[in-house]
Protein backbone atom coordinates (compact mmCIF):
# COMPACT_ATOMS: atom_id res chain seq x y z
CA UNK A 1 0.03 0.01 -0.20
CA UNK A 2 3.20 2.66 1.49
CA UNK A 3 5.15 1.56 -1.93
CA UNK A 4 1.47 2.34 -4.47
CA UNK A 5 0.92 5.71 -2.72
CA UNK A 6 4.83 6.90 -2.99
CA UNK A 7 4.29 6.02 -7.38
CA UNK A 8 0.99 7.87 -7.48
CA UNK A 9 3.22 10.61 -5.58
CA UNK A 10 6.17 10.50 -7.87
CA UNK A 11 3.39 10.59 -10.70
CA UNK A 12 1.43 13.29 -10.00
CA UNK A 13 4.81 15.35 -8.99
CA UNK A 14 6.21 14.08 -12.48
CA UNK A 15 3.55 14.60 -14.98
CA UNK A 16 3.16 18.92 -14.05
CA UNK A 17 6.36 18.80 -13.88
CA UNK A 18 6.68 17.63 -17.79
CA UNK A 19 4.49 19.84 -18.88
CA UNK A 20 5.55 23.55 -17.25
CA UNK A 21 8.69 22.07 -19.13
CA UNK A 22 7.53 21.40 -22.87
CA UNK A 23 5.21 24.51 -22.36
CA UNK A 24 7.56 27.08 -22.06
CA UNK A 25 10.38 24.54 -24.39
CA UNK A 26 8.61 27.54 -27.81
CA UNK A 27 9.96 30.67 -25.22
CA UNK A 28 13.21 30.84 -26.16
CA UNK A 29 12.69 30.95 -30.37
CA UNK A 30 11.65 34.60 -30.45
CA UNK A 31 12.02 35.05 -34.77
CA UNK A 32 11.74 37.87 -35.66
CA UNK A 33 7.75 38.42 -37.06
CA UNK A 34 8.65 41.79 -39.56
CA UNK A 35 11.70 41.65 -41.34
CA UNK A 36 11.03 43.66 -44.00
CA UNK A 37 13.59 47.07 -42.90
CA UNK A 38 16.86 44.91 -42.37
CA UNK A 39 17.19 44.29 -47.04
CA UNK A 40 20.55 46.63 -47.72
CA UNK A 41 23.48 47.32 -48.42
CA UNK A 42 25.57 48.40 -45.30
CA UNK A 43 29.08 50.04 -45.65
CA UNK A 44 31.20 50.04 -42.88
CA UNK A 45 34.56 48.91 -42.56
CA UNK A 46 35.86 45.10 -41.07
CA UNK A 47 38.82 44.92 -38.76
CA UNK A 48 40.84 41.26 -39.14
CA UNK A 49 41.31 40.49 -35.30
CA UNK A 50 44.16 37.61 -35.33
CA UNK A 51 45.64 35.89 -33.02
CA UNK A 52 49.29 36.28 -31.45
CA UNK A 53 51.17 32.93 -32.96
CA UNK A 54 49.70 33.32 -35.92
CA UNK A 55 50.63 36.72 -36.43
CA UNK A 56 54.15 35.17 -35.81
CA UNK A 57 53.42 32.43 -38.66
CA UNK A 58 52.74 35.32 -41.22
CA UNK A 59 56.23 36.80 -42.66
CA UNK A 60 56.13 39.60 -44.79
CA UNK A 61 56.66 39.10 -48.65
CA UNK A 62 59.84 40.53 -50.48
CA UNK A 63 57.57 43.42 -51.69
CA UNK A 64 57.61 44.14 -47.82
CA UNK A 65 53.17 43.36 -47.63
CA UNK A 66 51.57 40.84 -45.61
CA UNK A 67 48.81 39.17 -46.31
CA UNK A 68 46.22 40.36 -44.43
CA UNK A 69 45.87 43.86 -44.50
CA UNK A 70 46.65 45.70 -41.30
CA UNK A 71 43.67 48.36 -40.27
CA UNK A 72 40.23 48.44 -40.64
CA UNK A 73 38.57 47.56 -45.00
CA UNK A 74 36.59 49.34 -46.29
CA UNK A 75 33.25 47.16 -47.52
CA UNK A 76 29.82 46.01 -47.74
CA UNK A 77 27.24 43.99 -47.16
CA UNK A 78 24.07 43.39 -48.77
CA UNK A 79 21.32 41.39 -46.49
CA UNK A 80 18.50 40.08 -48.48
CA UNK A 81 15.93 38.17 -47.01
CA UNK A 82 13.37 35.20 -48.26
CA UNK A 83 9.99 34.35 -47.62
CA UNK A 84 10.46 32.25 -44.23
CA UNK A 85 12.02 35.36 -42.71
CA UNK A 86 15.58 34.03 -43.53
CA UNK A 87 18.38 36.20 -44.47
CA UNK A 88 21.46 35.82 -46.86
CA UNK A 89 24.60 38.30 -46.40
CA UNK A 90 26.08 38.77 -49.52
CA UNK A 91 30.07 40.30 -49.12
CA UNK A 92 30.07 43.08 -51.66
CA UNK A 93 32.36 45.39 -53.96
CA UNK A 94 35.72 43.84 -52.43
CA UNK A 95 38.45 42.48 -53.85
CA UNK A 96 40.51 39.29 -51.16
CA UNK A 97 44.14 40.26 -51.04
CA UNK A 98 44.76 37.12 -52.02
CA UNK A 99 43.91 35.78 -55.51
CA UNK A 100 41.72 32.30 -55.68
CA UNK A 101 39.82 33.10 -52.56
CA UNK A 102 35.65 33.42 -52.97
CA UNK A 103 33.30 34.32 -49.61
CA UNK A 104 30.18 32.36 -50.97
CA UNK A 105 26.51 34.10 -49.66
CA UNK A 106 26.21 33.13 -45.28
CA UNK A 107 22.90 32.12 -44.91
CA UNK A 108 21.22 33.64 -41.10
CA UNK A 109 18.00 33.94 -39.30
CA UNK A 110 17.09 36.18 -37.38
CA UNK A 111 15.81 36.74 -34.10
CA UNK A 112 14.13 39.81 -31.89
CA UNK A 113 14.64 41.60 -28.58
CA UNK A 114 13.25 44.81 -28.15
CA UNK A 115 14.39 46.63 -31.18
CA UNK A 116 17.16 45.56 -32.32
CA UNK A 117 17.93 42.24 -34.54
CA UNK A 118 19.71 39.50 -33.66
CA UNK A 119 21.86 38.15 -37.08
CA UNK A 120 23.27 34.34 -36.48
CA UNK A 121 24.15 31.64 -39.49
CA UNK A 122 27.57 30.41 -41.02
CA UNK A 123 29.15 30.53 -44.08
CA UNK A 124 31.85 29.13 -46.66
CA UNK A 125 34.89 30.45 -47.71
CA UNK A 126 36.23 28.72 -51.24
CA UNK A 127 40.37 28.91 -51.18
CA UNK A 128 40.69 26.41 -54.30
CA UNK A 129 39.26 23.60 -53.58
CA UNK A 130 39.37 23.54 -50.63
CA UNK A 131 36.01 25.22 -48.49
CA UNK A 132 36.50 26.68 -44.68
CA UNK A 133 33.74 26.97 -42.89
CA UNK A 134 32.63 30.17 -40.57
CA UNK A 135 29.54 31.54 -38.29
CA UNK A 136 28.89 34.88 -37.68
CA UNK A 137 26.55 36.86 -34.87
CA UNK A 138 25.74 40.13 -34.78
CA UNK A 139 23.10 42.28 -34.57
CA UNK A 140 21.23 45.45 -36.40
CA UNK A 141 19.59 48.05 -33.82
CA UNK A 142 18.19 52.05 -35.89
CA UNK A 143 20.10 51.13 -39.21
CA UNK A 144 23.90 49.75 -38.16
CA UNK A 145 24.81 47.07 -38.87
CA UNK A 146 27.34 45.27 -36.11
CA UNK A 147 28.57 42.12 -37.21
CA UNK A 148 31.41 39.02 -35.28
CA UNK A 149 32.27 36.41 -37.53
CA UNK A 150 34.76 33.23 -37.35
CA UNK A 151 36.33 31.87 -39.23
CA UNK A 152 36.91 28.33 -38.59
CA UNK A 153 40.28 27.27 -40.41
CA UNK A 154 41.45 24.80 -37.83
CA UNK A 155 38.98 24.59 -34.66
CA UNK A 156 40.26 26.56 -31.49
CA UNK A 157 44.24 26.46 -32.47
CA UNK A 158 43.75 29.00 -35.71
CA UNK A 159 40.52 30.17 -36.20
CA UNK A 160 40.58 34.92 -36.93
CA UNK A 161 38.11 36.85 -36.35
CA UNK A 162 36.69 39.70 -38.99
CA UNK A 163 34.68 42.87 -36.91
CA UNK A 164 31.85 44.55 -39.79
CA UNK A 165 30.73 47.47 -38.49
CA UNK A 166 28.66 49.68 -40.82
CA UNK A 167 25.03 51.84 -41.81
CA UNK A 168 22.74 50.96 -43.92
CA UNK A 169 22.41 53.13 -47.15
C-alpha cells in the first residue's frame, strides 16, 4: 500500500513538471515577425583580428606586404531576405588580398529582442579546391549592423575573427 502511494506521488509530481517544461520550450524561439526593414546594403569597415601565434607565422613578402591587411578594410555587405524570414549576407565590391579566395553568401536566422534584430548563421569560404567554414553573430539596431565573424581554419587553434561595423545606405 505504501509503495503504491509512493509511486502515485511521484507520478503526480512528474506529470506537472514535464508539462510545465515542454510548454515553455517555445518561449526561447523569438523569431522576428517583420524583417522587411533589414534588407539593403550596409557600408562600413571590417577589421581582421588574429591571435598572436598566427601573426607570428605570417611573414611579409619580398615587397614587405603581409597577407592580412593591417587596420580597417572598407567593405559592403548586402542583406536579402527570403519568404521564411531567413537572411542571406553577401560581401559586395570587395577584392580579396589573395587571388583564388571566394566568400560564398552566408545564410542566417533572425531573432528579435526589443528593437534589436539578432543575426546568427554560417557560411563558407572557398580557397581553390578547399572549403573553410565560418560562423557569424551580429545585431542590427536602427540601421547599424555590427557583425562578428569567426573563420574556423583549424578549430580552436587558428580561428581568425573579423569584426564588421556598418550603416545601411
